[in-house]
Amino acid sequence: MTKSTIKHFGLWFGVLAVGLAGVALLLSRQTGDKLELPDYPRVVAQIGGEEFTFLKTQTAQQSALGLGAVPKLPARYGMLFYGQGQMGSWMKGMTYPIDMVWLDSENTVVHVVHDAQPDSYPKTVFVNPPETDARIVIEITAGEAKRLQIEPGMKILL
């Protein structure tokens, strides 16, 4: 091998190494976003023909923390809360707006709040109307309820 060949080989090896390092960084960031999600059970749902994954809260502490434990909500992800009757949601610890959707025991939408803002906490607790019997609240990225045309009477397949 000549010095010129060795020099070119070294240059190409360096370019390849930088490229691979960039790909590794990109993949680690994508994986890192998913690792920021709490390790809660997942529930898959069909909404408007699209698949969503919901993090299912299981304890009072998880429910109180809610999406405040999620610094960034990935696309088509949300959080699911179980309860009964009038169920309240707040924006404690939130840094981004969300939509809230209340479902009855048949997974029919009974109430929707669009674009709940982080600065609504602590003065506002969002609740379903007293004449509705909610069993589930789902929280999704703000704007998704309008985009998917979620409104009372719509069924959500969980």
C-alpha atoms as a PDB file:
ATOM      1  CA  MET A   1       0.000   0.000   0.000  1.00  0.00           C
ATOM      2  CA  THR A   2       1.172   3.476  -0.805  1.00  0.00           C
ATOM      3  CA  LYS A   3       0.986   6.370   1.600  1.00  0.00           C
ATOM      4  CA  SER A   4      -1.731   7.892  -0.584  1.00  0.00           C
ATOM      5  CA  THR A   5      -3.866   4.729  -0.385  1.00  0.00           C
ATOM      6  CA  ILE A   6      -3.419   4.554   3.377  1.00  0.00           C
ATOM      7  CA  LYS A   7      -4.348   8.241   3.685  1.00  0.00           C
ATOM      8  CA  HIS A   8      -7.544   7.745   1.622  1.00  0.00           C
ATOM      9  CA  PHE A   9      -8.409   4.603   3.564  1.00  0.00           C
ATOM     10  CA  GLY A  10      -7.982   6.551   6.825  1.00  0.00           C
ATOM     11  CA  LEU A  11     -10.147   9.390   5.516  1.00  0.00           C
ATOM     12  CA  TRP A  12     -12.951   7.008   4.467  1.00  0.00           C
ATOM     13  CA  PHE A  13     -12.708   5.134   7.749  1.00  0.00           C
ATOM     14  CA  GLY A  14     -13.046   8.448   9.613  1.00  0.00           C
ATOM     15  CA  VAL A  15     -16.100   9.468   7.567  1.00  0.00           C
ATOM     16  CA  LEU A  16     -17.665   6.053   8.170  1.00  0.00           C
ATOM     17  CA  ALA A  17     -16.986   6.254  11.912  1.00  0.00           C
ATOM     18  CA  VAL A  18     -18.545   9.732  12.165  1.00  0.00           C
ATOM     19  CA  GLY A  19     -21.571   8.557  10.164  1.00  0.00           C
ATOM     20  CA  LEU A  20     -22.062   5.511  12.374  1.00  0.00           C
ATOM     21  CA  ALA A  21     -21.691   7.637  15.489  1.00  0.00           C
ATOM     22  CA  GLY A  22     -24.414   9.971  14.148  1.00  0.00           C
ATOM     23  CA  VAL A  23     -26.766   7.055  13.478  1.00  0.00           C
ATOM     24  CA  ALA A  24     -26.094   5.675  16.961  1.00  0.00           C
ATOM     25  CA  LEU A  25     -26.850   9.074  18.507  1.00  0.00           C
ATOM     26  CA  LEU A  26     -30.088   9.383  16.544  1.00  0.00           C
ATOM     27  CA  LEU A  27     -31.212   5.902  17.591  1.00  0.00           C
ATOM     28  CA  SER A  28     -30.328   6.530  21.228  1.00  0.00           C
ATOM     29  CA  ARG A  29     -32.397   9.732  21.207  1.00  0.00           C
ATOM     30  CA  GLN A  30     -35.375   7.911  19.731  1.00  0.00           C
ATOM     31  CA  THR A  31     -35.012   5.129  22.271  1.00  0.00           C
ATOM     32  CA  GLY A  32     -34.394   7.722  24.986  1.00  0.00           C
ATOM     33  CA  ASP A  33     -37.773   9.357  24.311  1.00  0.00           C
ATOM     34  CA  LYS A  34     -39.483   6.025  24.870  1.00  0.00           C
ATOM     35  CA  LEU A  35     -37.445   5.407  28.018  1.00  0.00           C
ATOM     36  CA  GLU A  36     -38.795   8.652  29.470  1.00  0.00           C
ATOM     37  CA  LEU A  37     -42.251   7.083  29.643  1.00  0.00           C
ATOM     38  CA  PRO A  38     -43.188   5.582  33.001  1.00  0.00           C
ATOM     39  CA  ASP A  39     -43.156   1.794  33.173  1.00  0.00           C
ATOM     40  CA  TYR A  40     -46.952   1.461  33.377  1.00  0.00           C
ATOM     41  CA  PRO A  41     -49.014  -1.252  31.687  1.00  0.00           C
ATOM     42  CA  ARG A  42     -50.076  -0.351  28.136  1.00  0.00           C
ATOM     43  CA  VAL A  43     -53.595  -0.413  26.708  1.00  0.00           C
ATOM     44  CA  VAL A  44     -54.033  -0.264  22.946  1.00  0.00           C
ATOM     45  CA  ALA A  45     -57.074   1.562  21.556  1.00  0.00           C
ATOM     46  CA  GLN A  46     -58.582   2.335  18.170  1.00  0.00           C
ATOM     47  CA  ILE A  47     -59.701   5.935  17.803  1.00  0.00           C
ATOM     48  CA  GLY A  48     -60.957   7.160  14.471  1.00  0.00           C
ATOM     49  CA  GLY A  49     -59.234   4.272  12.689  1.00  0.00           C
ATOM     50  CA  GLU A  50     -55.869   5.004  14.324  1.00  0.00           C
ATOM     51  CA  GLU A  51     -54.069   2.954  16.965  1.00  0.00           C
ATOM     52  CA  PHE A  52     -53.162   4.674  20.229  1.00  0.00           C
ATOM     53  CA  THR A  53     -51.161   3.335  23.155  1.00  0.00           C
ATOM     54  CA  PHE A  54     -52.246   4.441  26.609  1.00  0.00           C
ATOM     55  CA  LEU A  55     -50.210   4.257  29.784  1.00  0.00           C
ATOM     56  CA  LYS A  56     -52.598   2.785  32.355  1.00  0.00           C
ATOM     57  CA  THR A  57     -52.381   4.217  35.872  1.00  0.00           C
ATOM     58  CA  GLN A  58     -52.851   1.653  38.632  1.00  0.00           C
ATOM     59  CA  THR A  59     -52.353   3.498  41.903  1.00  0.00           C
ATOM     60  CA  ALA A  60     -53.661   6.721  43.433  1.00  0.00           C
ATOM     61  CA  GLN A  61     -50.112   8.105  43.304  1.00  0.00           C
ATOM     62  CA  GLN A  62     -49.781   7.333  39.568  1.00  0.00           C
ATOM     63  CA  SER A  63     -53.178   8.901  38.908  1.00  0.00           C
ATOM     64  CA  ALA A  64     -52.315  12.043  40.879  1.00  0.00           C
ATOM     65  CA  LEU A  65     -49.011  12.424  39.011  1.00  0.00           C
ATOM     66  CA  GLY A  66     -50.631  11.628  35.638  1.00  0.00           C
ATOM     67  CA  LEU A  67     -48.888  13.030  32.572  1.00  0.00           C
ATOM     68  CA  GLY A  68     -46.821  15.247  34.874  1.00  0.00           C
ATOM     69  CA  ALA A  69     -44.497  12.201  34.867  1.00  0.00           C
ATOM     70  CA  VAL A  70     -44.150  12.386  31.058  1.00  0.00           C
ATOM     71  CA  PRO A  71     -41.937  15.263  29.844  1.00  0.00           C
ATOM     72  CA  LYS A  72     -42.969  14.734  26.206  1.00  0.00           C
ATOM     73  CA  LEU A  73     -45.898  12.717  24.916  1.00  0.00           C
ATOM     74  CA  PRO A  74     -45.010  10.730  21.781  1.00  0.00           C
ATOM     75  CA  ALA A  75     -47.442  10.749  18.851  1.00  0.00           C
ATOM     76  CA  ARG A  76     -50.464   8.484  19.346  1.00  0.00           C
ATOM     77  CA  TYR A  77     -49.707   7.960  23.036  1.00  0.00           C
ATOM     78  CA  GLY A  78     -51.747   9.017  26.023  1.00  0.00           C
ATOM     79  CA  MET A  79     -52.655   8.161  29.592  1.00  0.00           C
ATOM     80  CA  LEU A  80     -55.668   6.236  30.852  1.00  0.00           C
ATOM     81  CA  PHE A  81     -57.327   6.609  34.260  1.00  0.00           C
ATOM     82  CA  TYR A  82     -60.045   4.366  35.723  1.00  0.00           C
ATOM     83  CA  GLY A  83     -62.686   5.600  38.135  1.00  0.00           C
ATOM     84  CA  GLN A  84     -66.420   5.973  38.538  1.00  0.00           C
ATOM     85  CA  GLY A  85     -68.973   8.780  38.408  1.00  0.00           C
ATOM     86  CA  GLN A  86     -67.607  12.296  38.204  1.00  0.00           C
ATOM     87  CA  MET A  87     -63.902  12.021  37.469  1.00  0.00           C
ATOM     88  CA  GLY A  88     -61.581  15.005  37.711  1.00  0.00           C
ATOM     89  CA  SER A  89     -58.323  15.754  35.926  1.00  0.00           C
ATOM     90  CA  TRP A  90     -55.879  18.557  36.543  1.00  0.00           C
ATOM     91  CA  MET A  91     -52.727  19.892  34.912  1.00  0.00           C
ATOM     92  CA  LYS A  92     -50.382  19.600  37.912  1.00  0.00           C
ATOM     93  CA  GLY A  93     -46.769  19.273  36.765  1.00  0.00           C
ATOM     94  CA  MET A  94     -47.720  19.565  33.090  1.00  0.00           C
ATOM     95  CA  THR A  95     -45.634  21.519  30.588  1.00  0.00           C
ATOM     96  CA  TYR A  96     -47.762  21.001  27.463  1.00  0.00           C
ATOM     97  CA  PRO A  97     -51.491  21.207  26.632  1.00  0.00           C
ATOM     98  CA  ILE A  98     -53.655  18.101  26.275  1.00  0.00           C
ATOM     99  CA  ASP A  99     -57.153  16.976  25.348  1.00  0.00           C
ATOM    100  CA  MET A 100     -59.180  15.021  27.928  1.00  0.00           C
ATOM    101  CA  VAL A 101     -61.884  12.511  27.003  1.00  0.00           C
ATOM    102  CA  TRP A 102     -64.307  10.869  29.454  1.00  0.00           C
ATOM    103  CA  LEU A 103     -65.816   7.450  28.617  1.00  0.00           C
ATOM    104  CA  ASP A 104     -68.687   5.551  30.211  1.00  0.00           C
ATOM    105  CA  SER A 105     -68.795   1.825  31.018  1.00  0.00           C
ATOM    106  CA  GLU A 106     -69.478   1.043  27.333  1.00  0.00           C
ATOM    107  CA  ASN A 107     -66.421   3.108  26.218  1.00  0.00           C
ATOM    108  CA  THR A 108     -68.723   5.741  24.743  1.00  0.00           C
ATOM    109  CA  VAL A 109     -67.485   9.338  24.925  1.00  0.00           C
ATOM    110  CA  VAL A 110     -69.531  11.357  27.416  1.00  0.00           C
ATOM    111  CA  HIS A 111     -67.410  14.529  27.646  1.00  0.00           C
ATOM    112  CA  VAL A 112     -64.414  16.167  25.953  1.00  0.00           C
ATOM    113  CA  VAL A 113     -62.135  19.021  27.036  1.00  0.00           C
ATOM    114  CA  HIS A 114     -60.014  20.468  24.264  1.00  0.00           C
ATOM    115  CA  ASP A 115     -56.623  22.122  24.745  1.00  0.00           C
ATOM    116  CA  ALA A 116     -56.347  22.082  28.548  1.00  0.00           C
ATOM    117  CA  GLN A 117     -53.449  24.382  29.389  1.00  0.00           C
ATOM    118  CA  PRO A 118     -50.705  23.775  31.985  1.00  0.00           C
ATOM    119  CA  ASP A 119     -51.298  27.187  33.572  1.00  0.00           C
ATOM    120  CA  SER A 120     -54.882  26.161  34.460  1.00  0.00           C
ATOM    121  CA  TYR A 121     -53.450  24.409  37.546  1.00  0.00           C
ATOM    122  CA  PRO A 122     -54.226  24.862  40.445  1.00  0.00           C
ATOM    123  CA  LYS A 123     -57.385  26.900  39.834  1.00  0.00           C
ATOM    124  CA  THR A 124     -59.093  24.428  37.463  1.00  0.00           C
ATOM    125  CA  VAL A 125     -60.047  20.792  37.860  1.00  0.00           C
ATOM    126  CA  PHE A 126     -61.671  19.438  34.706  1.00  0.00           C
ATOM    127  CA  VAL A 127     -64.633  17.106  35.371  1.00  0.00           C
ATOM    128  CA  ASN A 128     -67.329  15.371  33.392  1.00  0.00           C
ATOM    129  CA  PRO A 129     -70.895  16.678  33.836  1.00  0.00           C
ATOM    130  CA  PRO A 130     -72.708  15.306  36.919  1.00  0.00           C
ATOM    131  CA  GLU A 131     -75.400  13.615  34.804  1.00  0.00           C
ATOM    132  CA  THR A 132     -72.779  11.366  33.164  1.00  0.00           C
ATOM    133  CA  ASP A 133     -71.234   8.293  34.747  1.00  0.00           C
ATOM    134  CA  ALA A 134     -67.635   8.184  33.576  1.00  0.00           C
ATOM    135  CA  ARG A 135     -65.463   5.113  34.109  1.00  0.00           C
ATOM    136  CA  ILE A 136     -62.378   6.127  32.136  1.00  0.00           C
ATOM    137  CA  VAL A 137     -60.555   9.352  31.328  1.00  0.00           C
ATOM    138  CA  ILE A 138     -58.006   9.378  28.532  1.00  0.00           C
ATOM    139  CA  GLU A 139     -55.545  12.204  28.012  1.00  0.00           C
ATOM    140  CA  ILE A 140     -53.984  12.787  24.605  1.00  0.00           C
ATOM    141  CA  THR A 141     -51.950  15.463  22.846  1.00  0.00           C
ATOM    142  CA  ALA A 142     -53.858  18.728  22.411  1.00  0.00           C
ATOM    143  CA  GLY A 143     -55.583  18.923  19.042  1.00  0.00           C
ATOM    144  CA  GLU A 144     -56.005  15.175  18.623  1.00  0.00           C
ATOM    145  CA  ALA A 145     -59.645  15.167  19.789  1.00  0.00           C
ATOM    146  CA  LYS A 146     -60.558  17.706  17.090  1.00  0.00           C
ATOM    147  CA  ARG A 147     -58.435  16.007  14.440  1.00  0.00           C
ATOM    148  CA  LEU A 148     -60.058  12.637  15.160  1.00  0.00           C
ATOM    149  CA  GLN A 149     -63.513  14.243  15.569  1.00  0.00           C
ATOM    150  CA  ILE A 150     -63.941  12.795  19.063  1.00  0.00           C
ATOM    151  CA  GLU A 151     -67.279  13.921  20.468  1.00  0.00           C
ATOM    152  CA  PRO A 152     -69.963  12.622  22.842  1.00  0.00           C
ATOM    153  CA  GLY A 153     -71.595   9.459  21.540  1.00  0.00           C
ATOM    154  CA  MET A 154     -68.470   8.179  19.763  1.00  0.00           C
ATOM    155  CA  LYS A 155     -67.206   4.698  20.743  1.00  0.00           C
ATOM    156  CA  ILE A 156     -63.534   4.138  21.549  1.00  0.00           C
ATOM    157  CA  LEU A 157     -62.296   0.571  21.133  1.00  0.00           C
ATOM    158  CA  LEU A 158     -60.028  -0.360  24.062  1.00  0.00           C
END
